[in-house]
Protein backbone atom coordinates (compact mmCIF):
# COMPACT_ATOMS: atom_id res chain seq x y z
CA MET A 1 -113.22 103.58 -17.19
CA ARG A 2 -114.72 104.68 -13.88
CA THR A 3 -115.22 108.40 -13.35
CA LEU A 4 -115.92 110.74 -10.51
CA SER A 5 -119.62 112.57 -10.79
CA VAL A 6 -90.45 122.30 4.39
CA PHE A 7 -91.83 120.63 1.49
CA MET A 8 -95.21 122.15 2.17
CA LEU A 9 -98.48 120.71 1.03
CA LEU A 10 -100.05 123.73 -0.61
CA PRO A 11 -103.54 124.05 0.89
CA VAL A 12 -106.73 125.15 -0.78
CA LEU A 13 -109.25 127.14 1.23
CA ALA A 14 -112.51 125.37 2.01
CA CYS A 15 -115.87 127.10 1.76
CA ALA A 16 -116.67 129.17 4.83
CA ALA A 17 -119.99 128.96 6.64
CA GLN A 18 -122.35 131.90 6.45
CA ASN A 19 -122.54 134.26 9.43
CA PRO A 20 -119.33 132.97 11.04
CA SER A 21 -118.84 133.37 14.75
CA PRO A 22 -116.15 135.73 16.08
CA ALA A 23 -112.59 134.57 15.63
CA PRO A 24 -110.88 133.06 18.68
CA ALA A 25 -108.41 135.22 20.55
CA PRO A 26 -104.75 134.91 19.53
CA SER A 27 -102.66 132.53 21.62
CA GLY A 28 -100.32 135.33 22.66
CA ASP A 29 -97.21 133.65 21.28
CA GLY A 30 -97.14 136.11 18.39
CA LEU A 31 -95.23 133.72 16.13
CA THR A 32 -95.22 133.41 12.38
CA MET A 33 -95.55 129.96 10.83
CA ALA A 34 -91.84 129.92 10.03
CA GLU A 35 -91.00 130.74 13.64
CA VAL A 36 -93.28 127.96 14.91
CA LEU A 37 -91.42 125.46 12.76
CA GLU A 38 -88.03 126.82 13.81
CA ASN A 39 -88.98 126.25 17.45
CA ALA A 40 -90.37 122.75 16.91
CA GLY A 41 -88.55 120.02 18.82
CA PRO A 42 -87.69 116.48 17.71
CA SER A 43 -90.80 115.03 19.38
CA ASP A 44 -93.02 117.32 17.27
CA TRP A 45 -92.10 115.36 14.15
CA ARG A 46 -92.81 111.79 13.05
CA ALA A 47 -91.41 109.49 10.39
CA LEU A 48 -93.45 107.86 7.65
CA ASP A 49 -94.53 104.29 8.33
CA PRO A 50 -93.06 102.19 5.47
CA ASN A 51 -96.08 99.85 5.65
CA ASN A 52 -98.39 102.79 4.91
CA THR A 53 -96.32 104.66 2.32
CA LEU A 54 -96.50 104.31 -1.45
CA TYR A 55 -93.87 105.48 -3.92
CA MET A 56 -95.26 106.18 -7.39
CA THR A 57 -92.55 106.62 -10.01
CA LEU A 58 -93.34 108.81 -13.02
CA ALA A 59 -90.98 109.90 -15.76
CA SER A 60 -90.82 113.32 -14.09
CA GLY A 61 -90.18 112.16 -10.51
CA VAL A 62 -91.43 110.20 -7.51
CA VAL A 63 -94.73 110.88 -5.73
CA VAL A 64 -94.87 109.82 -2.06
CA ILE A 65 -98.33 108.89 -0.71
CA GLU A 66 -99.17 108.24 2.94
CA LEU A 67 -102.07 105.81 3.35
CA ALA A 68 -104.85 106.14 5.94
CA PRO A 69 -105.72 102.66 7.25
CA SER A 70 -107.58 104.11 10.25
CA PHE A 71 -110.26 105.41 7.88
CA ALA A 72 -110.11 102.96 4.98
CA PRO A 73 -108.60 99.68 6.24
CA LYS A 74 -110.17 97.47 3.56
CA HIS A 75 -109.18 99.75 0.69
CA VAL A 76 -105.66 100.19 2.04
CA ALA A 77 -105.25 96.40 2.37
CA ASN A 78 -106.45 95.95 -1.21
CA ILE A 79 -104.15 98.67 -2.51
CA ARG A 80 -101.22 96.99 -0.77
CA ALA A 81 -102.16 93.69 -2.45
CA LEU A 82 -102.36 95.38 -5.86
CA VAL A 83 -99.01 97.11 -5.37
CA LYS A 84 -97.24 93.97 -4.19
CA GLN A 85 -98.21 92.10 -7.35
CA GLY A 86 -97.19 95.02 -9.59
CA TYR A 87 -100.72 95.84 -10.72
CA PHE A 88 -100.02 99.54 -11.35
CA ASP A 89 -96.64 99.10 -13.04
CA GLY A 90 -96.78 100.33 -16.62
CA LEU A 91 -100.33 101.67 -16.38
CA ALA A 92 -101.15 105.32 -16.96
CA ILE A 93 -102.50 108.59 -15.70
CA VAL A 94 -105.81 108.69 -17.52
CA ARG A 95 -107.25 112.01 -16.42
CA SER A 96 -106.09 115.51 -15.55
CA GLN A 97 -109.01 117.87 -14.99
CA GLU A 98 -108.34 121.55 -14.38
CA ASN A 99 -108.99 122.67 -10.80
CA TYR A 100 -110.19 119.22 -9.81
CA VAL A 101 -108.31 115.90 -9.92
CA VAL A 102 -105.61 113.81 -11.54
CA GLN A 103 -106.56 110.13 -11.83
CA TRP A 104 -104.57 106.99 -12.65
CA GLY A 105 -105.31 103.33 -13.28
CA ASP A 106 -105.90 100.86 -16.08
CA PRO A 107 -107.07 102.58 -19.30
CA LYS A 108 -108.82 99.32 -20.24
CA ALA A 109 -110.64 98.89 -16.91
CA GLY A 110 -113.99 97.20 -17.49
CA GLU A 111 -113.04 96.24 -21.04
CA GLU A 112 -111.49 93.24 -22.75
CA GLY A 113 -107.78 93.10 -22.04
CA ALA A 114 -108.02 94.81 -18.65
CA ARG A 115 -105.29 93.98 -16.17
CA ASP A 116 -105.93 91.03 -13.87
CA PHE A 117 -106.50 91.78 -10.19
CA GLY A 118 -104.73 88.62 -9.05
CA ASP A 119 -105.24 88.10 -5.31
CA ALA A 120 -106.78 91.56 -4.81
CA ALA A 121 -110.53 92.15 -4.65
CA LYS A 122 -112.30 93.69 -7.64
CA ASN A 123 -114.76 95.48 -5.37
CA VAL A 124 -114.44 96.69 -1.79
CA SER A 125 -117.32 97.98 0.30
CA GLY A 126 -117.27 101.77 0.63
CA GLU A 127 -115.54 103.28 3.66
CA TYR A 128 -117.03 106.75 3.77
CA HIS A 129 -116.97 107.47 7.50
CA ARG A 130 -115.92 105.99 10.83
CA ASP A 131 -117.14 106.01 14.42
CA ALA A 132 -116.07 109.43 15.70
CA THR A 133 -115.52 108.16 19.24
CA ALA A 134 -112.90 105.65 18.12
CA LEU A 135 -110.51 108.18 16.61
CA PRO A 136 -108.03 110.65 18.22
CA PHE A 137 -109.53 113.82 16.78
CA THR A 138 -107.50 117.05 17.05
CA LYS A 139 -110.08 119.80 16.62
CA ILE A 140 -109.27 123.21 15.19
CA ASP A 141 -111.47 126.22 15.86
CA ALA A 142 -112.83 126.91 12.39
CA GLU A 143 -116.19 127.49 10.78
CA ASP A 144 -117.00 124.87 8.16
CA ALA A 145 -119.83 124.61 5.65
CA TYR A 146 -119.75 120.82 5.50
CA ALA A 147 -119.37 119.62 9.08
CA ASP A 148 -120.02 120.47 12.71
CA GLU A 149 -116.33 120.22 13.56
CA VAL A 150 -113.09 119.94 11.63
CA GLY A 151 -109.57 118.99 12.56
CA PHE A 152 -106.96 116.29 12.04
CA VAL A 153 -106.72 112.58 12.72
CA GLU A 154 -103.24 111.07 12.55
CA GLY A 155 -102.10 113.82 10.24
CA MET A 156 -105.09 113.66 7.89
CA PRO A 157 -107.62 116.51 7.52
CA ALA A 158 -110.92 115.28 8.88
CA ALA A 159 -114.41 116.34 9.92
CA ARG A 160 -117.05 114.99 12.25
CA ASP A 161 -120.76 115.24 12.94
CA GLY A 162 -121.61 115.21 16.62
CA ALA A 163 -125.28 114.26 16.22
CA GLN A 164 -124.61 111.22 14.06
CA GLY A 165 -121.29 110.29 15.64
CA ARG A 166 -119.43 110.10 12.33
CA ALA A 167 -115.93 111.18 11.37
CA TRP A 168 -114.52 111.26 7.85
CA LEU A 169 -111.56 112.42 5.80
CA THR A 170 -111.99 115.58 3.76
CA HIS A 171 -111.19 116.45 0.16
CA CYS A 172 -108.42 118.97 0.75
CA TYR A 173 -105.61 119.57 -1.72
CA ALA A 174 -103.34 116.52 -2.18
CA MET A 175 -105.83 114.03 -0.70
CA VAL A 176 -106.02 110.68 -2.52
CA GLY A 177 -109.27 108.82 -3.14
CA ALA A 178 -110.49 105.58 -4.73
CA GLY A 179 -112.60 106.01 -7.85
CA ARG A 180 -115.87 104.09 -8.09
CA ASP A 181 -118.82 103.49 -10.40
CA MET A 182 -122.43 104.29 -9.49
CA GLY A 183 -122.63 101.59 -6.83
CA ALA A 184 -121.53 102.55 -3.32
CA ASP A 185 -119.40 99.40 -3.08
CA SER A 186 -117.97 99.45 -6.60
CA GLY A 187 -114.49 100.82 -5.81
CA SER A 188 -111.35 98.81 -5.12
CA GLY A 189 -108.36 101.15 -5.03
CA ALA A 190 -107.30 100.06 -8.52
CA GLU A 191 -108.21 103.53 -9.77
CA LEU A 192 -106.94 106.39 -7.63
CA TYR A 193 -107.17 110.15 -7.89
CA VAL A 194 -105.58 113.12 -6.15
CA VAL A 195 -107.14 116.55 -5.56
CA ILE A 196 -105.19 119.20 -7.50
CA GLY A 197 -107.52 122.17 -7.19
CA HIS A 198 -110.01 123.94 -4.97
CA SER A 199 -111.11 121.43 -2.34
CA PRO A 200 -114.23 119.59 -3.66
CA ARG A 201 -115.74 119.01 -0.23
CA HIS A 202 -119.06 117.94 -1.75
CA LEU A 203 -117.33 114.61 -2.43
CA ASP A 204 -116.80 113.99 1.29
CA ARG A 205 -118.57 110.80 2.44
CA ASN A 206 -119.32 109.96 -1.20
CA VAL A 207 -115.90 108.66 -2.18
CA THR A 208 -113.50 106.64 -0.06
CA LEU A 209 -110.40 108.67 0.72
CA VAL A 210 -107.35 106.47 1.27
CA GLY A 211 -104.52 108.91 2.03
CA ARG A 212 -102.65 111.97 0.83
CA VAL A 213 -99.58 112.98 -1.13
CA VAL A 214 -96.79 114.15 1.19
CA GLN A 215 -94.13 114.78 -1.46
CA GLY A 216 -94.07 115.20 -5.22
CA MET A 217 -97.39 116.98 -5.80
CA GLU A 218 -95.70 119.12 -8.45
CA PHE A 219 -95.35 116.05 -10.67
CA LEU A 220 -99.14 115.64 -10.68
CA SER A 221 -100.52 119.17 -10.47
CA THR A 222 -98.52 120.41 -13.48
CA LEU A 223 -99.54 117.67 -15.89
CA ALA A 224 -101.08 118.80 -19.18
CA ARG A 225 -104.85 118.86 -18.85
CA GLY A 226 -106.87 116.24 -20.68
CA THR A 227 -108.97 117.57 -23.54
CA GLY A 228 -111.80 115.04 -23.24
CA PRO A 229 -114.89 115.25 -21.00
CA LEU A 230 -113.98 115.47 -17.29
CA GLY A 231 -110.33 115.94 -18.25
CA PHE A 232 -109.76 112.43 -19.62
CA TYR A 233 -106.96 112.05 -22.13
CA GLU A 234 -108.41 111.24 -25.55
CA ASP A 235 -105.23 109.98 -27.19
CA ALA A 236 -103.29 107.06 -25.74
CA GLN A 237 -100.05 108.91 -26.52
CA GLU A 238 -101.11 111.75 -24.21
CA LYS A 239 -101.38 109.56 -21.13
CA PRO A 240 -98.33 109.85 -18.86
CA SER A 241 -97.02 106.45 -17.84
CA VAL A 242 -97.02 105.20 -14.27
CA GLU A 243 -93.69 103.42 -14.33
CA ARG A 244 -94.29 101.61 -11.05
CA ILE A 245 -95.74 101.90 -7.55
CA ARG A 246 -94.00 100.30 -4.58
CA LEU A 247 -94.73 99.96 -0.89
CA GLY A 248 -92.08 101.54 1.32
CA ALA A 249 -91.73 98.36 3.37
CA ASP A 250 -90.64 96.50 0.22
CA MET A 251 -87.93 99.04 -0.63
CA PRO A 252 -84.38 99.45 0.71
CA GLU A 253 -84.30 102.12 3.39
CA SER A 254 -81.88 104.14 1.26
CA GLU A 255 -84.55 104.53 -1.43
CA ARG A 256 -87.28 105.78 0.90
CA ALA A 257 -88.06 109.47 1.37
CA ALA A 258 -85.86 110.92 4.13
CA VAL A 259 -88.57 113.16 5.54
CA GLU A 260 -90.52 113.76 8.73
CA ILE A 261 -94.03 115.13 9.10
CA LEU A 262 -95.22 117.56 11.74
CA ARG A 263 -97.45 115.74 14.22
CA THR A 264 -100.96 117.15 14.53
CA ASP A 265 -101.52 116.10 18.15
CA THR A 266 -99.07 118.57 19.71
CA GLN A 267 -99.04 122.10 21.11
CA THR A 268 -96.66 123.02 18.29
CA PHE A 269 -99.32 122.15 15.75
CA GLN A 270 -101.89 124.25 17.61
CA LYS A 271 -99.43 127.15 17.44
CA LEU A 272 -99.08 126.55 13.71
CA VAL A 273 -102.87 126.76 13.31
CA ASP A 274 -102.83 130.00 15.32
CA ALA A 275 -100.06 131.40 13.12
CA ARG A 276 -102.04 130.45 10.04
CA ARG A 277 -105.12 132.17 11.44
CA TYR A 278 -103.35 135.40 12.45
CA ARG A 279 -100.91 135.94 9.60
CA ARG A 280 -98.05 137.75 11.33
CA GLU A 281 -95.70 137.85 8.37
CA GLU A 282 -94.70 141.43 7.55
CA TRP A 283 -96.32 141.31 4.11
CA PHE A 284 -99.88 140.94 5.47
CA ILE A 285 -101.97 144.08 5.92
CA ASP A 286 -104.98 142.34 7.49
CA ALA A 287 -104.36 139.53 9.99
CA VAL A 288 -107.61 137.85 8.84
CA GLY A 289 -108.26 136.10 12.17
CA ARG A 290 -109.88 133.08 10.53
CA VAL A 291 -108.74 129.83 8.97
CA GLY A 292 -110.34 126.99 7.04
CA LEU A 293 -109.47 123.33 7.47
CA CYS A 294 -108.00 123.02 4.00
CA ASN A 295 -105.93 126.18 4.54
CA VAL A 296 -103.94 124.57 7.36
CA PRO A 297 -100.78 123.10 5.81
CA LEU A 298 -99.02 119.99 7.05
CA PRO A 299 -95.27 120.73 7.01
CA VAL A 300 -92.85 118.06 5.85
CA ARG A 301 -89.12 118.44 6.48
CA SER A 302 -86.00 116.76 5.21
CA VAL A 303 -84.40 114.65 7.91
CA LYS A 304 -80.96 115.47 6.54
CA ASN A 305 -81.59 119.18 6.93
CA SER A 306 -83.07 118.89 10.43
CA GLU A 307 -79.94 117.80 12.29
């Protein structure tokens, strides 16, 4: 087994840089996050692309995952191939580590009796970063300990390094990655994990991130923790079953999640970041005036309730 050395996505605060610069001035709108969302127009929201959406069915509910082909095209293509041939159906969640990750895949991976990959590749070269100039980066004004700049690319939390010209996805809460062995090109997408705790940003650029959970995180984050090393389940009976994983494009429209996601390339999203930075809700005593990348939520709304 390989290891790792609204609906509102609940964010986890990233580490702040030392000696941060002064906070930017408020936008002047004076809105709370709830008010920003109330004022959002139809064009501020987007639907999920069925070709880039996975539906993982557990006994407790359905987890909806949006894939990120702009950052990990080879892994995403391989995951689609695995899903289409039913590779994940009947496998298991093999690991639940407190304040870290939940991981699923074949409990017999690398052993006799492991599930056949069929037409999918057993190994895919690592996709740890992309050319920063080729991506539509929406920067947010935030100090970050792990990157020169942080922001969002097509709804995914991302970072970039100006000197080296690289951009990469970041390990914020609910992000999904592909487990690998020691070799940089030893992953495939057959073993996936999701961040359920404080954002482990030290994994950035060391593991290929392939997407994020947009709905159903509660079915993963509340799983009983594994008692073995690194949170692996020691007893086969402890491992929750993955009943099946399907691609949205292969499902009837009536069975897909009826949700929309707030676009991150709009003025409305910038107002949301501002509201998150200057907490204007009545409960707050100190407005803070700062925000970390992983503390910016990505709102998801029910289409039925948005009419």
